[in-house]
Amino acid sequence: MSSFDKRLLGKNTLITGAGSGIGRAIALRYAREGANVAVNDVAVDRAESTAYEVEDLGVKSIVLAADVSDSEQVQAMVGQYYAEWGQLDVLVNNAGIGGSMEAVTMMKEDTWDRTINTNLRSVFLVSKYAAKRMVKAKVPDDQLRGKIINMAAVRGKLGRANFGAYSAAKFGVVSLTQTMALELGKNRITVNAICPGLIWTPIYGNTTSENLAANNPPPALTYKPVGMPEDVAGAAFFLASSDSDWITGQSLLVCGGQHFT
């Protein structure tokens, strides 16, 4: 079986924060597997760029510009999505920001609020309003109604000094994933999380992968210094595919063996 055998053919997916980095990589992987991809990002130009790439792969795409930490914008986004496509098979709550290196005692409250709102509140809001629609999907009794995949992080399993807000938000995503899995399981909706380790994305600017790896523990897989967005996209594909239909409430580390927890 090749890497791209259209195993998501005809599925409708929505990915938040898909304008760049991990979200973009997931969008393109899903498209290569045959899925239609709704692209959300707070930056319209980035969302449009990813949507064009998705459509070049022969599937449908729509752009949903919204700040997913804002309730009114989320409700409007979900409403627009369902007005255009009608059914959501896979939701990926990927939108997030990196953490600033500040001790808790020195951290400004607006830094805390922004980090929690972007990385955790957004997962709550999008899941809340999307799941209300997902549970009404009419599918055969032996099939799932949908899948929700949340982007946590290694810091959601293992805290780190000077990353208090980021770690707290990602721990919250892991806990919320478990809670939603319990609540939505009866509706035949799975909810899982991905916990990436060090991934080389545009958030690091012009930093090389080697420099990025220099101040972090080495991975067990030493053939490359850090992970790439496509590594996370592979895990997101697995969790979207039928191979993971009996998996829910789990948080999958994607870190090359940099951490075990």
C-alpha atoms as a PDB file:
ATOM      1  CA  MET A   1       0.000   0.000   0.000  1.00  0.00           C
ATOM      2  CA  SER A   2       1.421   3.369  -0.972  1.00  0.00           C
ATOM      3  CA  SER A   3       1.497   6.392   1.308  1.00  0.00           C
ATOM      4  CA  PHE A   4      -1.410   8.050  -0.484  1.00  0.00           C
ATOM      5  CA  ASP A   5      -4.141   5.549  -1.322  1.00  0.00           C
ATOM      6  CA  LYS A   6      -7.005   8.004  -0.876  1.00  0.00           C
ATOM      7  CA  ARG A   7      -8.074   6.464   2.418  1.00  0.00           C
ATOM      8  CA  LEU A   8      -9.934   9.643   3.350  1.00  0.00           C
ATOM      9  CA  LEU A   9     -11.694   9.862  -0.002  1.00  0.00           C
ATOM     10  CA  GLY A  10     -14.865  11.943   0.246  1.00  0.00           C
ATOM     11  CA  LYS A  11     -14.358  12.880   3.898  1.00  0.00           C
ATOM     12  CA  ASN A  12     -15.012  16.466   4.909  1.00  0.00           C
ATOM     13  CA  THR A  13     -12.453  17.921   7.299  1.00  0.00           C
ATOM     14  CA  LEU A  14     -11.886  21.193   9.121  1.00  0.00           C
ATOM     15  CA  ILE A  15      -8.442  22.204  10.355  1.00  0.00           C
ATOM     16  CA  THR A  16      -7.868  25.277  12.492  1.00  0.00           C
ATOM     17  CA  GLY A  17      -4.615  27.215  12.216  1.00  0.00           C
ATOM     18  CA  ALA A  18      -3.961  25.576   8.852  1.00  0.00           C
ATOM     19  CA  GLY A  19      -2.309  28.550   7.198  1.00  0.00           C
ATOM     20  CA  SER A  20       1.211  27.378   7.988  1.00  0.00           C
ATOM     21  CA  GLY A  21       3.345  24.854   9.835  1.00  0.00           C
ATOM     22  CA  ILE A  22       1.740  21.727  11.236  1.00  0.00           C
ATOM     23  CA  GLY A  23      -1.792  22.747  10.257  1.00  0.00           C
ATOM     24  CA  ARG A  24      -0.780  23.258   6.635  1.00  0.00           C
ATOM     25  CA  ALA A  25       1.035  19.914   6.570  1.00  0.00           C
ATOM     26  CA  ILE A  26      -2.067  18.156   7.905  1.00  0.00           C
ATOM     27  CA  ALA A  27      -4.260  19.905   5.335  1.00  0.00           C
ATOM     28  CA  LEU A  28      -2.039  18.766   2.478  1.00  0.00           C
ATOM     29  CA  ARG A  29      -1.775  15.192   3.811  1.00  0.00           C
ATOM     30  CA  TYR A  30      -5.546  14.958   4.115  1.00  0.00           C
ATOM     31  CA  ALA A  31      -5.962  16.327   0.606  1.00  0.00           C
ATOM     32  CA  ARG A  32      -3.508  13.776  -0.790  1.00  0.00           C
ATOM     33  CA  GLU A  33      -5.582  11.094   0.922  1.00  0.00           C
ATOM     34  CA  GLY A  34      -8.719  12.350  -0.857  1.00  0.00           C
ATOM     35  CA  ALA A  35     -10.338  14.504   1.835  1.00  0.00           C
ATOM     36  CA  ASN A  36     -11.963  17.870   1.278  1.00  0.00           C
ATOM     37  CA  VAL A  37     -10.340  20.423   3.591  1.00  0.00           C
ATOM     38  CA  ALA A  38     -11.844  23.524   5.179  1.00  0.00           C
ATOM     39  CA  VAL A  39      -8.922  25.766   6.056  1.00  0.00           C
ATOM     40  CA  ASN A  40      -9.170  28.049   9.073  1.00  0.00           C
ATOM     41  CA  ASP A  41      -6.628  30.649  10.042  1.00  0.00           C
ATOM     42  CA  VAL A  42      -6.754  34.067  11.666  1.00  0.00           C
ATOM     43  CA  ALA A  43      -4.739  35.349   8.684  1.00  0.00           C
ATOM     44  CA  VAL A  44      -6.831  35.205   5.525  1.00  0.00           C
ATOM     45  CA  ASP A  45      -3.844  35.278   3.161  1.00  0.00           C
ATOM     46  CA  ARG A  46      -2.268  32.245   4.802  1.00  0.00           C
ATOM     47  CA  ALA A  47      -5.570  30.350   4.765  1.00  0.00           C
ATOM     48  CA  GLU A  48      -6.080  31.155   1.094  1.00  0.00           C
ATOM     49  CA  SER A  49      -2.558  29.979   0.247  1.00  0.00           C
ATOM     50  CA  THR A  50      -3.147  26.592   1.883  1.00  0.00           C
ATOM     51  CA  ALA A  51      -6.597  26.296   0.298  1.00  0.00           C
ATOM     52  CA  TYR A  52      -5.089  26.827  -3.182  1.00  0.00           C
ATOM     53  CA  GLU A  53      -2.550  24.074  -2.506  1.00  0.00           C
ATOM     54  CA  VAL A  54      -5.337  21.753  -1.326  1.00  0.00           C
ATOM     55  CA  GLU A  55      -7.392  22.373  -4.461  1.00  0.00           C
ATOM     56  CA  ASP A  56      -4.342  21.739  -6.650  1.00  0.00           C
ATOM     57  CA  LEU A  57      -4.428  18.186  -5.270  1.00  0.00           C
ATOM     58  CA  GLY A  58      -7.871  17.649  -6.780  1.00  0.00           C
ATOM     59  CA  VAL A  59     -10.192  18.045  -3.798  1.00  0.00           C
ATOM     60  CA  LYS A  60     -12.452  20.800  -2.508  1.00  0.00           C
ATOM     61  CA  SER A  61     -11.457  23.517  -0.055  1.00  0.00           C
ATOM     62  CA  ILE A  62     -13.062  26.504   1.617  1.00  0.00           C
ATOM     63  CA  VAL A  63     -11.451  29.302   3.593  1.00  0.00           C
ATOM     64  CA  LEU A  64     -12.835  30.018   7.051  1.00  0.00           C
ATOM     65  CA  ALA A  65     -11.100  33.089   8.470  1.00  0.00           C
ATOM     66  CA  ALA A  66     -11.702  33.388  12.214  1.00  0.00           C
ATOM     67  CA  ASP A  67     -10.034  33.927  15.561  1.00  0.00           C
ATOM     68  CA  VAL A  68     -10.940  30.609  17.158  1.00  0.00           C
ATOM     69  CA  SER A  69     -10.489  31.970  20.676  1.00  0.00           C
ATOM     70  CA  ASP A  70     -13.509  34.241  20.083  1.00  0.00           C
ATOM     71  CA  SER A  71     -16.909  32.622  20.646  1.00  0.00           C
ATOM     72  CA  GLU A  72     -18.878  34.728  18.168  1.00  0.00           C
ATOM     73  CA  GLN A  73     -16.345  34.138  15.417  1.00  0.00           C
ATOM     74  CA  VAL A  74     -16.294  30.399  16.117  1.00  0.00           C
ATOM     75  CA  GLN A  75     -20.072  30.140  15.962  1.00  0.00           C
ATOM     76  CA  ALA A  76     -20.098  32.040  12.672  1.00  0.00           C
ATOM     77  CA  MET A  77     -17.317  29.833  11.302  1.00  0.00           C
ATOM     78  CA  VAL A  78     -19.076  26.591  12.212  1.00  0.00           C
ATOM     79  CA  GLY A  79     -22.318  27.942  10.775  1.00  0.00           C
ATOM     80  CA  GLN A  80     -20.585  28.853   7.510  1.00  0.00           C
ATOM     81  CA  TYR A  81     -18.935  25.445   7.332  1.00  0.00           C
ATOM     82  CA  TYR A  82     -22.203  23.540   7.712  1.00  0.00           C
ATOM     83  CA  ALA A  83     -24.013  25.845   5.311  1.00  0.00           C
ATOM     84  CA  GLU A  84     -21.479  24.951   2.619  1.00  0.00           C
ATOM     85  CA  TRP A  85     -20.663  21.303   3.289  1.00  0.00           C
ATOM     86  CA  GLY A  86     -23.373  19.941   5.579  1.00  0.00           C
ATOM     87  CA  GLN A  87     -21.350  17.263   7.363  1.00  0.00           C
ATOM     88  CA  LEU A  88     -18.069  17.263   9.268  1.00  0.00           C
ATOM     89  CA  ASP A  89     -16.188  13.986   9.468  1.00  0.00           C
ATOM     90  CA  VAL A  90     -12.892  15.124  11.008  1.00  0.00           C
ATOM     91  CA  LEU A  91     -12.155  18.222  13.089  1.00  0.00           C
ATOM     92  CA  VAL A  92      -8.534  19.080  13.851  1.00  0.00           C
ATOM     93  CA  ASN A  93      -8.080  21.704  16.576  1.00  0.00           C
ATOM     94  CA  ASN A  94      -4.582  22.745  15.601  1.00  0.00           C
ATOM     95  CA  ALA A  95      -4.526  26.536  16.122  1.00  0.00           C
ATOM     96  CA  GLY A  96      -2.032  27.645  18.734  1.00  0.00           C
ATOM     97  CA  ILE A  97       0.898  29.842  19.629  1.00  0.00           C
ATOM     98  CA  GLY A  98       4.287  29.119  21.147  1.00  0.00           C
ATOM     99  CA  GLY A  99       5.092  29.830  24.741  1.00  0.00           C
ATOM    100  CA  SER A 100       7.269  32.681  25.917  1.00  0.00           C
ATOM    101  CA  MET A 101      10.096  31.874  28.315  1.00  0.00           C
ATOM    102  CA  GLU A 102       8.951  33.509  31.550  1.00  0.00           C
ATOM    103  CA  ALA A 103       8.823  32.358  35.131  1.00  0.00           C
ATOM    104  CA  VAL A 104       5.325  32.308  36.602  1.00  0.00           C
ATOM    105  CA  THR A 105       6.265  35.017  39.088  1.00  0.00           C
ATOM    106  CA  MET A 106       7.346  37.326  36.262  1.00  0.00           C
ATOM    107  CA  MET A 107       4.665  36.532  33.720  1.00  0.00           C
ATOM    108  CA  LYS A 108       2.257  39.264  32.719  1.00  0.00           C
ATOM    109  CA  GLU A 109      -1.392  38.376  33.089  1.00  0.00           C
ATOM    110  CA  ASP A 110      -2.179  39.262  29.490  1.00  0.00           C
ATOM    111  CA  THR A 111       0.543  36.836  28.359  1.00  0.00           C
ATOM    112  CA  TRP A 112      -1.105  34.104  30.407  1.00  0.00           C
ATOM    113  CA  ASP A 113      -4.566  34.960  29.065  1.00  0.00           C
ATOM    114  CA  ARG A 114      -3.458  35.069  25.434  1.00  0.00           C
ATOM    115  CA  THR A 115      -1.659  31.731  25.687  1.00  0.00           C
ATOM    116  CA  ILE A 116      -4.549  29.984  27.444  1.00  0.00           C
ATOM    117  CA  ASN A 117      -7.149  31.501  25.121  1.00  0.00           C
ATOM    118  CA  THR A 118      -5.335  30.608  21.916  1.00  0.00           C
ATOM    119  CA  ASN A 119      -4.151  27.128  22.913  1.00  0.00           C
ATOM    120  CA  LEU A 120      -6.987  25.868  25.144  1.00  0.00           C
ATOM    121  CA  ARG A 121     -10.095  28.031  24.952  1.00  0.00           C
ATOM    122  CA  SER A 122     -10.077  27.632  21.163  1.00  0.00           C
ATOM    123  CA  VAL A 123     -10.195  23.833  21.491  1.00  0.00           C
ATOM    124  CA  PHE A 124     -13.173  24.133  23.851  1.00  0.00           C
ATOM    125  CA  LEU A 125     -15.060  26.573  21.642  1.00  0.00           C
ATOM    126  CA  VAL A 126     -14.584  24.876  18.281  1.00  0.00           C
ATOM    127  CA  SER A 127     -15.254  21.433  19.749  1.00  0.00           C
ATOM    128  CA  LYS A 128     -18.367  22.662  21.544  1.00  0.00           C
ATOM    129  CA  TYR A 129     -20.047  24.154  18.518  1.00  0.00           C
ATOM    130  CA  ALA A 130     -18.863  21.539  16.025  1.00  0.00           C
ATOM    131  CA  ALA A 131     -19.773  18.577  18.238  1.00  0.00           C
ATOM    132  CA  LYS A 132     -23.318  19.894  18.646  1.00  0.00           C
ATOM    133  CA  ARG A 133     -23.684  19.355  14.891  1.00  0.00           C
ATOM    134  CA  MET A 134     -21.592  16.187  14.699  1.00  0.00           C
ATOM    135  CA  VAL A 135     -23.843  14.276  17.096  1.00  0.00           C
ATOM    136  CA  LYS A 136     -26.760  14.755  14.686  1.00  0.00           C
ATOM    137  CA  ALA A 137     -25.008  13.158  11.708  1.00  0.00           C
ATOM    138  CA  LYS A 138     -27.074  10.352  10.179  1.00  0.00           C
ATOM    139  CA  VAL A 139     -24.777   7.377   9.666  1.00  0.00           C
ATOM    140  CA  PRO A 140     -25.232   3.583   9.918  1.00  0.00           C
ATOM    141  CA  ASP A 141     -25.321   2.233  13.464  1.00  0.00           C
ATOM    142  CA  ASP A 142     -21.965   0.503  13.072  1.00  0.00           C
ATOM    143  CA  GLN A 143     -20.096   3.619  11.936  1.00  0.00           C
ATOM    144  CA  LEU A 144     -18.608   6.616  13.700  1.00  0.00           C
ATOM    145  CA  ARG A 145     -20.255   9.995  13.352  1.00  0.00           C
ATOM    146  CA  GLY A 146     -16.987  11.862  13.446  1.00  0.00           C
ATOM    147  CA  LYS A 147     -13.523  12.363  14.847  1.00  0.00           C
ATOM    148  CA  ILE A 148     -11.973  15.209  16.796  1.00  0.00           C
ATOM    149  CA  ILE A 149      -8.200  15.550  16.932  1.00  0.00           C
ATOM    150  CA  ASN A 150      -6.679  18.091  19.313  1.00  0.00           C
ATOM    151  CA  MET A 151      -3.148  19.436  19.098  1.00  0.00           C
ATOM    152  CA  ALA A 152      -1.517  19.264  22.505  1.00  0.00           C
ATOM    153  CA  ALA A 153       2.274  18.988  22.985  1.00  0.00           C
ATOM    154  CA  VAL A 154       4.944  17.173  24.925  1.00  0.00           C
ATOM    155  CA  ARG A 155       4.438  20.004  27.430  1.00  0.00           C
ATOM    156  CA  GLY A 156       0.919  18.616  27.935  1.00  0.00           C
ATOM    157  CA  LYS A 157       2.516  15.590  29.557  1.00  0.00           C
ATOM    158  CA  LEU A 158       5.713  17.027  31.005  1.00  0.00           C
ATOM    159  CA  GLY A 159       5.965  20.582  32.317  1.00  0.00           C
ATOM    160  CA  ARG A 160       9.004  22.765  31.889  1.00  0.00           C
ATOM    161  CA  ALA A 161      10.354  25.676  33.898  1.00  0.00           C
ATOM    162  CA  ASN A 162       9.631  29.069  32.346  1.00  0.00           C
ATOM    163  CA  PHE A 163       6.850  27.650  30.142  1.00  0.00           C
ATOM    164  CA  GLY A 164       4.050  27.828  32.696  1.00  0.00           C
ATOM    165  CA  ALA A 165       1.248  29.205  30.531  1.00  0.00           C
ATOM    166  CA  TYR A 166       2.057  27.016  27.533  1.00  0.00           C
ATOM    167  CA  SER A 167       2.394  23.880  29.658  1.00  0.00           C
ATOM    168  CA  ALA A 168      -0.828  24.611  31.530  1.00  0.00           C
ATOM    169  CA  ALA A 169      -2.712  25.129  28.259  1.00  0.00           C
ATOM    170  CA  LYS A 170      -1.423  21.914  26.735  1.00  0.00           C
ATOM    171  CA  PHE A 171      -2.081  19.898  29.907  1.00  0.00           C
ATOM    172  CA  GLY A 172      -5.588  21.326  29.661  1.00  0.00           C
ATOM    173  CA  VAL A 173      -5.919  20.095  26.075  1.00  0.00           C
ATOM    174  CA  VAL A 174      -4.951  16.566  27.155  1.00  0.00           C
ATOM    175  CA  SER A 175      -7.475  16.605  30.002  1.00  0.00           C
ATOM    176  CA  LEU A 176     -10.202  18.102  27.814  1.00  0.00           C
ATOM    177  CA  THR A 177      -9.523  15.408  25.218  1.00  0.00           C
ATOM    178  CA  GLN A 178     -10.125  12.681  27.796  1.00  0.00           C
ATOM    179  CA  THR A 179     -13.271  14.397  29.057  1.00  0.00           C
ATOM    180  CA  MET A 180     -14.755  14.858  25.588  1.00  0.00           C
ATOM    181  CA  ALA A 181     -13.907  11.257  24.692  1.00  0.00           C
ATOM    182  CA  LEU A 182     -16.017  10.100  27.639  1.00  0.00           C
ATOM    183  CA  GLU A 183     -18.845  12.497  26.855  1.00  0.00           C
ATOM    184  CA  LEU A 184     -19.008  11.952  23.099  1.00  0.00           C
ATOM    185  CA  GLY A 185     -18.253   8.238  22.941  1.00  0.00           C
ATOM    186  CA  LYS A 186     -21.940   7.381  23.284  1.00  0.00           C
ATOM    187  CA  ASN A 187     -22.526   9.464  20.161  1.00  0.00           C
ATOM    188  CA  ARG A 188     -19.889   7.475  18.261  1.00  0.00           C
ATOM    189  CA  ILE A 189     -17.402  10.333  18.094  1.00  0.00           C
ATOM    190  CA  THR A 190     -13.746   9.714  18.916  1.00  0.00           C
ATOM    191  CA  VAL A 191     -11.567  12.388  20.514  1.00  0.00           C
ATOM    192  CA  ASN A 192      -7.790  12.076  20.600  1.00  0.00           C
ATOM    193  CA  ALA A 193      -4.786  14.371  20.974  1.00  0.00           C
ATOM    194  CA  ILE A 194      -1.383  14.603  19.373  1.00  0.00           C
ATOM    195  CA  CYS A 195       1.570  15.705  21.489  1.00  0.00           C
ATOM    196  CA  PRO A 196       4.376  16.878  19.208  1.00  0.00           C
ATOM    197  CA  GLY A 197       7.857  17.314  20.541  1.00  0.00           C
ATOM    198  CA  LEU A 198      10.367  19.645  18.892  1.00  0.00           C
ATOM    199  CA  ILE A 199       9.038  20.325  15.386  1.00  0.00           C
ATOM    200  CA  TRP A 200      10.743  22.665  12.929  1.00  0.00           C
ATOM    201  CA  THR A 201       8.038  25.108  11.796  1.00  0.00           C
ATOM    202  CA  PRO A 202       7.943  28.750  10.618  1.00  0.00           C
ATOM    203  CA  ILE A 203       7.272  29.809  14.216  1.00  0.00           C
ATOM    204  CA  TYR A 204      11.042  29.588  14.748  1.00  0.00           C
ATOM    205  CA  GLY A 205      11.836  32.055  11.967  1.00  0.00           C
ATOM    206  CA  ASN A 206      15.211  31.586  10.283  1.00  0.00           C
ATOM    207  CA  THR A 207      16.581  29.234  12.924  1.00  0.00           C
ATOM    208  CA  THR A 208      18.071  26.063  11.435  1.00  0.00           C
ATOM    209  CA  SER A 209      16.907  22.662  12.629  1.00  0.00           C
ATOM    210  CA  GLU A 210      20.397  22.018  14.026  1.00  0.00           C
ATOM    211  CA  ASN A 211      20.354  25.219  16.089  1.00  0.00           C
ATOM    212  CA  LEU A 212      16.848  24.440  17.273  1.00  0.00           C
ATOM    213  CA  ALA A 213      17.961  21.042  18.500  1.00  0.00           C
ATOM    214  CA  ALA A 214      21.111  22.303  20.229  1.00  0.00           C
ATOM    215  CA  ASN A 215      19.445  23.277  23.519  1.00  0.00           C
ATOM    216  CA  ASN A 216      17.113  20.298  23.779  1.00  0.00           C
ATOM    217  CA  PRO A 217      17.514  16.635  24.722  1.00  0.00           C
ATOM    218  CA  PRO A 218      18.449  14.507  21.694  1.00  0.00           C
ATOM    219  CA  PRO A 219      15.784  12.194  20.263  1.00  0.00           C
ATOM    220  CA  ALA A 220      16.187   8.415  20.328  1.00  0.00           C
ATOM    221  CA  LEU A 221      15.905   8.525  16.539  1.00  0.00           C
ATOM    222  CA  THR A 222      19.128  10.275  15.703  1.00  0.00           C
ATOM    223  CA  TYR A 223      18.866  10.344  11.902  1.00  0.00           C
ATOM    224  CA  LYS A 224      17.513  13.908  12.077  1.00  0.00           C
ATOM    225  CA  PRO A 225      17.802  16.525  14.844  1.00  0.00           C
ATOM    226  CA  VAL A 226      14.119  17.530  15.098  1.00  0.00           C
ATOM    227  CA  GLY A 227      10.758  16.523  13.705  1.00  0.00           C
ATOM    228  CA  MET A 228       9.073  18.040  10.678  1.00  0.00           C
ATOM    229  CA  PRO A 229       5.430  19.108  10.262  1.00  0.00           C
ATOM    230  CA  GLU A 230       4.889  16.098   7.990  1.00  0.00           C
ATOM    231  CA  ASP A 231       5.752  13.800  10.909  1.00  0.00           C
ATOM    232  CA  VAL A 232       2.820  15.208  12.846  1.00  0.00           C
ATOM    233  CA  ALA A 233       0.622  15.075   9.740  1.00  0.00           C
ATOM    234  CA  GLY A 234       1.226  11.330   9.560  1.00  0.00           C
ATOM    235  CA  ALA A 235      -0.130  10.888  13.072  1.00  0.00           C
ATOM    236  CA  ALA A 236      -3.088  13.124  12.229  1.00  0.00           C
ATOM    237  CA  PHE A 237      -3.829  10.968   9.193  1.00  0.00           C
ATOM    238  CA  PHE A 238      -3.787   7.793  11.306  1.00  0.00           C
ATOM    239  CA  LEU A 239      -6.202   9.305  13.817  1.00  0.00           C
ATOM    240  CA  ALA A 240      -8.486  10.420  10.975  1.00  0.00           C
ATOM    241  CA  SER A 241      -8.409   7.026   9.245  1.00  0.00           C
ATOM    242  CA  SER A 242     -10.512   3.956   9.980  1.00  0.00           C
ATOM    243  CA  ASP A 243      -7.430   2.283  11.495  1.00  0.00           C
ATOM    244  CA  SER A 244      -8.000   4.329  14.670  1.00  0.00           C
ATOM    245  CA  ASP A 245     -11.759   3.739  15.002  1.00  0.00           C
ATOM    246  CA  TRP A 246     -11.309   1.874  18.325  1.00  0.00           C
ATOM    247  CA  ILE A 247      -9.006   4.508  19.815  1.00  0.00           C
ATOM    248  CA  THR A 248     -10.306   7.438  21.861  1.00  0.00           C
ATOM    249  CA  GLY A 249      -9.188   9.589  24.763  1.00  0.00           C
ATOM    250  CA  GLN A 250      -5.521   9.039  23.935  1.00  0.00           C
ATOM    251  CA  SER A 251      -2.608  11.481  23.608  1.00  0.00           C
ATOM    252  CA  LEU A 252      -0.012  10.357  21.086  1.00  0.00           C
ATOM    253  CA  LEU A 253       3.560  11.573  21.468  1.00  0.00           C
ATOM    254  CA  VAL A 254       5.273  12.469  18.188  1.00  0.00           C
ATOM    255  CA  CYS A 255       8.800  13.326  19.272  1.00  0.00           C
ATOM    256  CA  GLY A 256      11.232  10.781  17.843  1.00  0.00           C
ATOM    257  CA  GLY A 257      11.702   9.248  21.276  1.00  0.00           C
ATOM    258  CA  GLN A 258      12.844  12.513  22.820  1.00  0.00           C
ATOM    259  CA  HIS A 259      10.450  11.839  25.689  1.00  0.00           C
ATOM    260  CA  PHE A 260       8.662   8.809  27.143  1.00  0.00           C
ATOM    261  CA  THR A 261       5.708   9.507  29.396  1.00  0.00           C
END
